[in-house]
Amino acid sequence: MNTISACTIDVRQIAPFKRHGLIFAQLDALPAGEALQLINDHDPRPLRDQIDLQWPGQYGFSYLESGPSLWRLEIRKAASPVKARAGSCCSGGCCG
C-alpha cells in the first residue's frame, strides 16, 4: 500500500463545523490517483458514508491507524476513467 499522501489534514485542530467542508474541498481538488491523509480523534465513518454518497466509487479508504485515541485514514481518489480514443465511438473501441 502506498501511504504517501498529497496532503494531510489533522481535523483535531479544526472547528467541527468547518471540518467536512474543508475535507470535501480538498478531495474535489485532489488529482486522480493521489491521496490525502486524515487524522482524527475518532473513527471518521460518518465522513466516509458522506463521501460515498456524494462521489460514489470515486474514493478508496485505507485505515493507517485505528484508535482508540488516534485515527489515520488515507483517502485516495480513483484514477481517471479511460477516455475515448480519437475515431472510436466508445471508450473501449469494442463496438460491434
N, C-alpha and C. Protein backbone atom coordinates (compact mmCIF):
# COMPACT_ATOMS: atom_id res chain seq x y z
N MET A 1 0.84 -1.18 0.00
CA MET A 1 0.00 0.00 0.00
C MET A 1 0.88 1.24 0.00
N ASN A 2 0.52 2.18 -0.83
CA ASN A 2 1.23 3.44 -0.90
C ASN A 2 0.64 4.41 0.11
N THR A 3 1.42 4.81 1.12
CA THR A 3 0.90 5.70 2.15
C THR A 3 1.41 7.13 1.99
N ILE A 4 1.95 7.45 0.83
CA ILE A 4 2.36 8.82 0.57
C ILE A 4 1.13 9.60 0.13
N SER A 5 0.85 10.68 0.82
CA SER A 5 -0.35 11.46 0.56
C SER A 5 0.01 12.83 0.03
N ALA A 6 -0.84 13.36 -0.84
CA ALA A 6 -0.64 14.70 -1.39
C ALA A 6 -0.72 15.74 -0.28
N CYS A 7 -1.58 15.52 0.71
CA CYS A 7 -1.68 16.44 1.83
C CYS A 7 -2.20 15.69 3.05
N THR A 8 -2.04 16.30 4.19
CA THR A 8 -2.54 15.74 5.44
C THR A 8 -3.40 16.79 6.11
N ILE A 9 -4.56 16.35 6.58
CA ILE A 9 -5.46 17.23 7.31
C ILE A 9 -5.64 16.64 8.71
N ASP A 10 -5.22 17.39 9.71
CA ASP A 10 -5.43 16.99 11.11
C ASP A 10 -6.67 17.74 11.58
N VAL A 11 -7.82 17.06 11.54
CA VAL A 11 -9.07 17.73 11.86
C VAL A 11 -9.23 18.02 13.35
N ARG A 12 -8.36 17.46 14.15
CA ARG A 12 -8.41 17.76 15.59
C ARG A 12 -8.14 19.24 15.84
N GLN A 13 -7.48 19.89 14.90
CA GLN A 13 -7.11 21.30 15.04
C GLN A 13 -8.11 22.25 14.37
N ILE A 14 -9.21 21.71 13.84
CA ILE A 14 -10.17 22.50 13.08
C ILE A 14 -11.52 22.48 13.79
N ALA A 15 -12.20 23.62 13.80
CA ALA A 15 -13.53 23.69 14.42
C ALA A 15 -14.46 22.66 13.75
N PRO A 16 -15.24 21.92 14.55
CA PRO A 16 -16.09 20.85 14.00
C PRO A 16 -16.99 21.29 12.84
N PHE A 17 -17.56 22.48 12.89
CA PHE A 17 -18.48 22.91 11.83
C PHE A 17 -17.76 23.23 10.52
N LYS A 18 -16.43 23.32 10.53
CA LYS A 18 -15.66 23.61 9.32
C LYS A 18 -15.03 22.36 8.70
N ARG A 19 -15.00 21.25 9.42
CA ARG A 19 -14.23 20.08 9.01
C ARG A 19 -14.67 19.49 7.67
N HIS A 20 -15.92 19.10 7.55
CA HIS A 20 -16.35 18.39 6.34
C HIS A 20 -16.23 19.26 5.09
N GLY A 21 -16.56 20.54 5.20
CA GLY A 21 -16.42 21.43 4.05
C GLY A 21 -14.97 21.52 3.58
N LEU A 22 -14.03 21.61 4.51
CA LEU A 22 -12.62 21.67 4.16
C LEU A 22 -12.17 20.36 3.52
N ILE A 23 -12.58 19.25 4.10
CA ILE A 23 -12.21 17.94 3.57
C ILE A 23 -12.78 17.75 2.17
N PHE A 24 -14.05 18.09 1.97
CA PHE A 24 -14.67 17.94 0.65
C PHE A 24 -13.96 18.81 -0.40
N ALA A 25 -13.58 20.03 -0.04
CA ALA A 25 -12.87 20.90 -0.97
C ALA A 25 -11.51 20.30 -1.35
N GLN A 26 -10.81 19.75 -0.37
CA GLN A 26 -9.51 19.12 -0.64
C GLN A 26 -9.67 17.88 -1.53
N LEU A 27 -10.70 17.09 -1.26
CA LEU A 27 -10.94 15.90 -2.09
C LEU A 27 -11.28 16.28 -3.51
N ASP A 28 -12.10 17.29 -3.67
CA ASP A 28 -12.51 17.73 -5.00
C ASP A 28 -11.30 18.22 -5.81
N ALA A 29 -10.34 18.86 -5.14
CA ALA A 29 -9.16 19.40 -5.81
C ALA A 29 -8.05 18.36 -5.98
N LEU A 30 -8.20 17.21 -5.38
CA LEU A 30 -7.17 16.18 -5.41
C LEU A 30 -7.02 15.60 -6.82
N PRO A 31 -5.80 15.54 -7.35
CA PRO A 31 -5.61 14.93 -8.68
C PRO A 31 -5.94 13.43 -8.64
N ALA A 32 -6.40 12.91 -9.76
CA ALA A 32 -6.73 11.49 -9.85
C ALA A 32 -5.52 10.65 -9.46
N GLY A 33 -5.76 9.61 -8.66
CA GLY A 33 -4.71 8.71 -8.22
C GLY A 33 -3.96 9.17 -6.99
N GLU A 34 -4.17 10.42 -6.56
CA GLU A 34 -3.50 10.96 -5.38
C GLU A 34 -4.35 10.71 -4.13
N ALA A 35 -3.73 10.93 -2.97
CA ALA A 35 -4.42 10.66 -1.71
C ALA A 35 -4.22 11.80 -0.74
N LEU A 36 -5.13 11.90 0.20
CA LEU A 36 -4.92 12.76 1.35
C LEU A 36 -5.04 11.90 2.59
N GLN A 37 -4.35 12.33 3.62
CA GLN A 37 -4.37 11.62 4.88
C GLN A 37 -5.16 12.45 5.88
N LEU A 38 -6.09 11.79 6.53
CA LEU A 38 -6.94 12.45 7.52
C LEU A 38 -6.57 11.94 8.90
N ILE A 39 -6.37 12.85 9.83
CA ILE A 39 -6.06 12.50 11.22
C ILE A 39 -7.21 12.99 12.08
N ASN A 40 -7.73 12.10 12.94
CA ASN A 40 -8.88 12.44 13.77
C ASN A 40 -8.77 11.74 15.11
N ASP A 41 -9.63 12.15 16.05
CA ASP A 41 -9.63 11.53 17.37
C ASP A 41 -10.73 10.47 17.51
N HIS A 42 -11.45 10.20 16.41
CA HIS A 42 -12.46 9.14 16.40
C HIS A 42 -12.58 8.58 14.99
N ASP A 43 -13.22 7.44 14.87
CA ASP A 43 -13.40 6.81 13.56
C ASP A 43 -14.23 7.72 12.67
N PRO A 44 -13.71 8.11 11.51
CA PRO A 44 -14.43 9.02 10.62
C PRO A 44 -15.45 8.31 9.72
N ARG A 45 -16.09 7.28 10.23
CA ARG A 45 -17.05 6.50 9.45
C ARG A 45 -18.19 7.36 8.86
N PRO A 46 -18.79 8.29 9.63
CA PRO A 46 -19.83 9.13 9.04
C PRO A 46 -19.32 9.95 7.84
N LEU A 47 -18.08 10.42 7.92
CA LEU A 47 -17.49 11.15 6.80
C LEU A 47 -17.35 10.23 5.59
N ARG A 48 -16.89 9.01 5.82
CA ARG A 48 -16.77 8.03 4.71
C ARG A 48 -18.12 7.82 4.04
N ASP A 49 -19.16 7.68 4.84
CA ASP A 49 -20.50 7.49 4.28
C ASP A 49 -20.92 8.69 3.43
N GLN A 50 -20.64 9.89 3.91
CA GLN A 50 -20.98 11.10 3.14
C GLN A 50 -20.21 11.16 1.82
N ILE A 51 -18.93 10.81 1.86
CA ILE A 51 -18.11 10.82 0.65
C ILE A 51 -18.65 9.80 -0.34
N ASP A 52 -19.00 8.61 0.14
CA ASP A 52 -19.55 7.58 -0.74
C ASP A 52 -20.88 8.01 -1.37
N LEU A 53 -21.68 8.77 -0.63
CA LEU A 53 -22.94 9.26 -1.19
C LEU A 53 -22.72 10.37 -2.21
N GLN A 54 -21.79 11.27 -1.91
CA GLN A 54 -21.55 12.42 -2.79
C GLN A 54 -20.76 12.03 -4.04
N TRP A 55 -19.79 11.13 -3.90
CA TRP A 55 -18.93 10.71 -5.01
C TRP A 55 -18.85 9.18 -5.04
N PRO A 56 -19.93 8.49 -5.41
CA PRO A 56 -19.93 7.02 -5.36
C PRO A 56 -18.80 6.40 -6.19
N GLY A 57 -18.02 5.55 -5.54
CA GLY A 57 -16.97 4.81 -6.22
C GLY A 57 -15.75 5.61 -6.63
N GLN A 58 -15.67 6.87 -6.26
CA GLN A 58 -14.56 7.71 -6.70
C GLN A 58 -13.39 7.76 -5.71
N TYR A 59 -13.61 7.27 -4.49
CA TYR A 59 -12.56 7.33 -3.48
C TYR A 59 -12.42 5.99 -2.77
N GLY A 60 -11.17 5.63 -2.49
CA GLY A 60 -10.88 4.43 -1.71
C GLY A 60 -10.37 4.84 -0.34
N PHE A 61 -10.62 4.00 0.64
CA PHE A 61 -10.28 4.33 2.02
C PHE A 61 -9.39 3.23 2.61
N SER A 62 -8.32 3.65 3.28
CA SER A 62 -7.43 2.72 3.96
C SER A 62 -7.13 3.27 5.35
N TYR A 63 -7.41 2.44 6.36
CA TYR A 63 -7.09 2.85 7.72
C TYR A 63 -5.60 2.59 7.96
N LEU A 64 -4.88 3.63 8.34
CA LEU A 64 -3.46 3.52 8.66
C LEU A 64 -3.26 3.34 10.16
N GLU A 65 -4.19 3.86 10.93
CA GLU A 65 -4.19 3.71 12.39
C GLU A 65 -5.64 3.75 12.85
N SER A 66 -6.01 2.83 13.73
CA SER A 66 -7.42 2.68 14.13
C SER A 66 -7.63 2.80 15.62
N GLY A 67 -7.36 3.96 16.16
CA GLY A 67 -7.68 4.29 17.54
C GLY A 67 -6.91 3.51 18.57
N PRO A 68 -7.30 3.64 19.80
CA PRO A 68 -8.57 4.22 20.24
C PRO A 68 -8.56 5.75 20.36
N SER A 69 -7.39 6.38 20.46
CA SER A 69 -7.39 7.84 20.61
C SER A 69 -6.94 8.57 19.34
N LEU A 70 -6.34 7.87 18.39
CA LEU A 70 -5.88 8.49 17.15
C LEU A 70 -6.29 7.61 15.97
N TRP A 71 -6.90 8.24 14.99
CA TRP A 71 -7.31 7.55 13.76
C TRP A 71 -6.65 8.25 12.59
N ARG A 72 -5.99 7.47 11.72
CA ARG A 72 -5.41 8.00 10.49
C ARG A 72 -6.02 7.23 9.33
N LEU A 73 -6.53 7.96 8.37
CA LEU A 73 -7.22 7.37 7.24
C LEU A 73 -6.65 7.97 5.95
N GLU A 74 -6.29 7.09 5.01
CA GLU A 74 -5.88 7.57 3.70
C GLU A 74 -7.09 7.50 2.78
N ILE A 75 -7.37 8.61 2.12
CA ILE A 75 -8.48 8.69 1.17
C ILE A 75 -7.86 8.93 -0.20
N ARG A 76 -7.99 7.95 -1.09
CA ARG A 76 -7.35 8.02 -2.40
C ARG A 76 -8.38 8.20 -3.50
N LYS A 77 -8.17 9.21 -4.34
CA LYS A 77 -9.05 9.45 -5.48
C LYS A 77 -8.73 8.43 -6.57
N ALA A 78 -9.77 7.85 -7.12
CA ALA A 78 -9.59 6.85 -8.18
C ALA A 78 -8.88 7.47 -9.38
N ALA A 79 -8.17 6.63 -10.10
CA ALA A 79 -7.52 7.09 -11.33
C ALA A 79 -8.60 7.52 -12.32
N SER A 80 -8.24 8.42 -13.21
CA SER A 80 -9.19 8.92 -14.20
C SER A 80 -9.72 7.77 -15.05
N PRO A 81 -10.99 7.83 -15.42
CA PRO A 81 -11.53 6.81 -16.31
C PRO A 81 -10.86 6.89 -17.68
N VAL A 82 -10.86 5.76 -18.38
CA VAL A 82 -10.27 5.70 -19.72
C VAL A 82 -11.08 6.60 -20.63
N LYS A 83 -10.40 7.46 -21.37
CA LYS A 83 -11.09 8.37 -22.29
C LYS A 83 -11.20 7.72 -23.66
N ALA A 84 -12.20 8.12 -24.38
CA ALA A 84 -12.40 7.59 -25.73
C ALA A 84 -11.23 7.97 -26.63
N ARG A 85 -10.80 7.02 -27.45
CA ARG A 85 -9.73 7.29 -28.40
C ARG A 85 -10.32 8.00 -29.62
N ALA A 86 -9.52 8.81 -30.25
CA ALA A 86 -9.98 9.51 -31.46
C ALA A 86 -10.41 8.49 -32.50
N GLY A 87 -11.56 8.73 -33.13
CA GLY A 87 -12.06 7.83 -34.14
C GLY A 87 -12.81 6.63 -33.57
N SER A 88 -12.99 6.60 -32.28
CA SER A 88 -13.69 5.49 -31.64
C SER A 88 -15.04 5.99 -31.16
N CYS A 89 -16.04 5.13 -31.26
CA CYS A 89 -17.38 5.55 -30.84
C CYS A 89 -17.60 5.33 -29.36
N CYS A 90 -16.69 4.61 -28.71
CA CYS A 90 -16.83 4.38 -27.26
C CYS A 90 -15.45 4.31 -26.63
N SER A 91 -15.41 4.28 -25.31
CA SER A 91 -14.13 4.34 -24.63
C SER A 91 -13.25 3.13 -24.88
N GLY A 92 -13.84 1.96 -25.10
CA GLY A 92 -13.01 0.77 -25.28
C GLY A 92 -12.75 0.42 -26.72
N GLY A 93 -13.45 1.04 -27.64
CA GLY A 93 -13.26 0.72 -29.04
C GLY A 93 -13.75 -0.68 -29.41
N CYS A 94 -14.67 -1.22 -28.61
CA CYS A 94 -15.10 -2.61 -28.81
C CYS A 94 -16.50 -2.70 -29.41
N CYS A 95 -16.93 -1.69 -30.05
CA CYS A 95 -18.28 -1.70 -30.64
C CYS A 95 -18.37 -2.76 -31.75
N GLY A 96 -19.53 -3.36 -31.87
CA GLY A 96 -19.74 -4.43 -32.82
C GLY A 96 -19.83 -3.91 -34.19
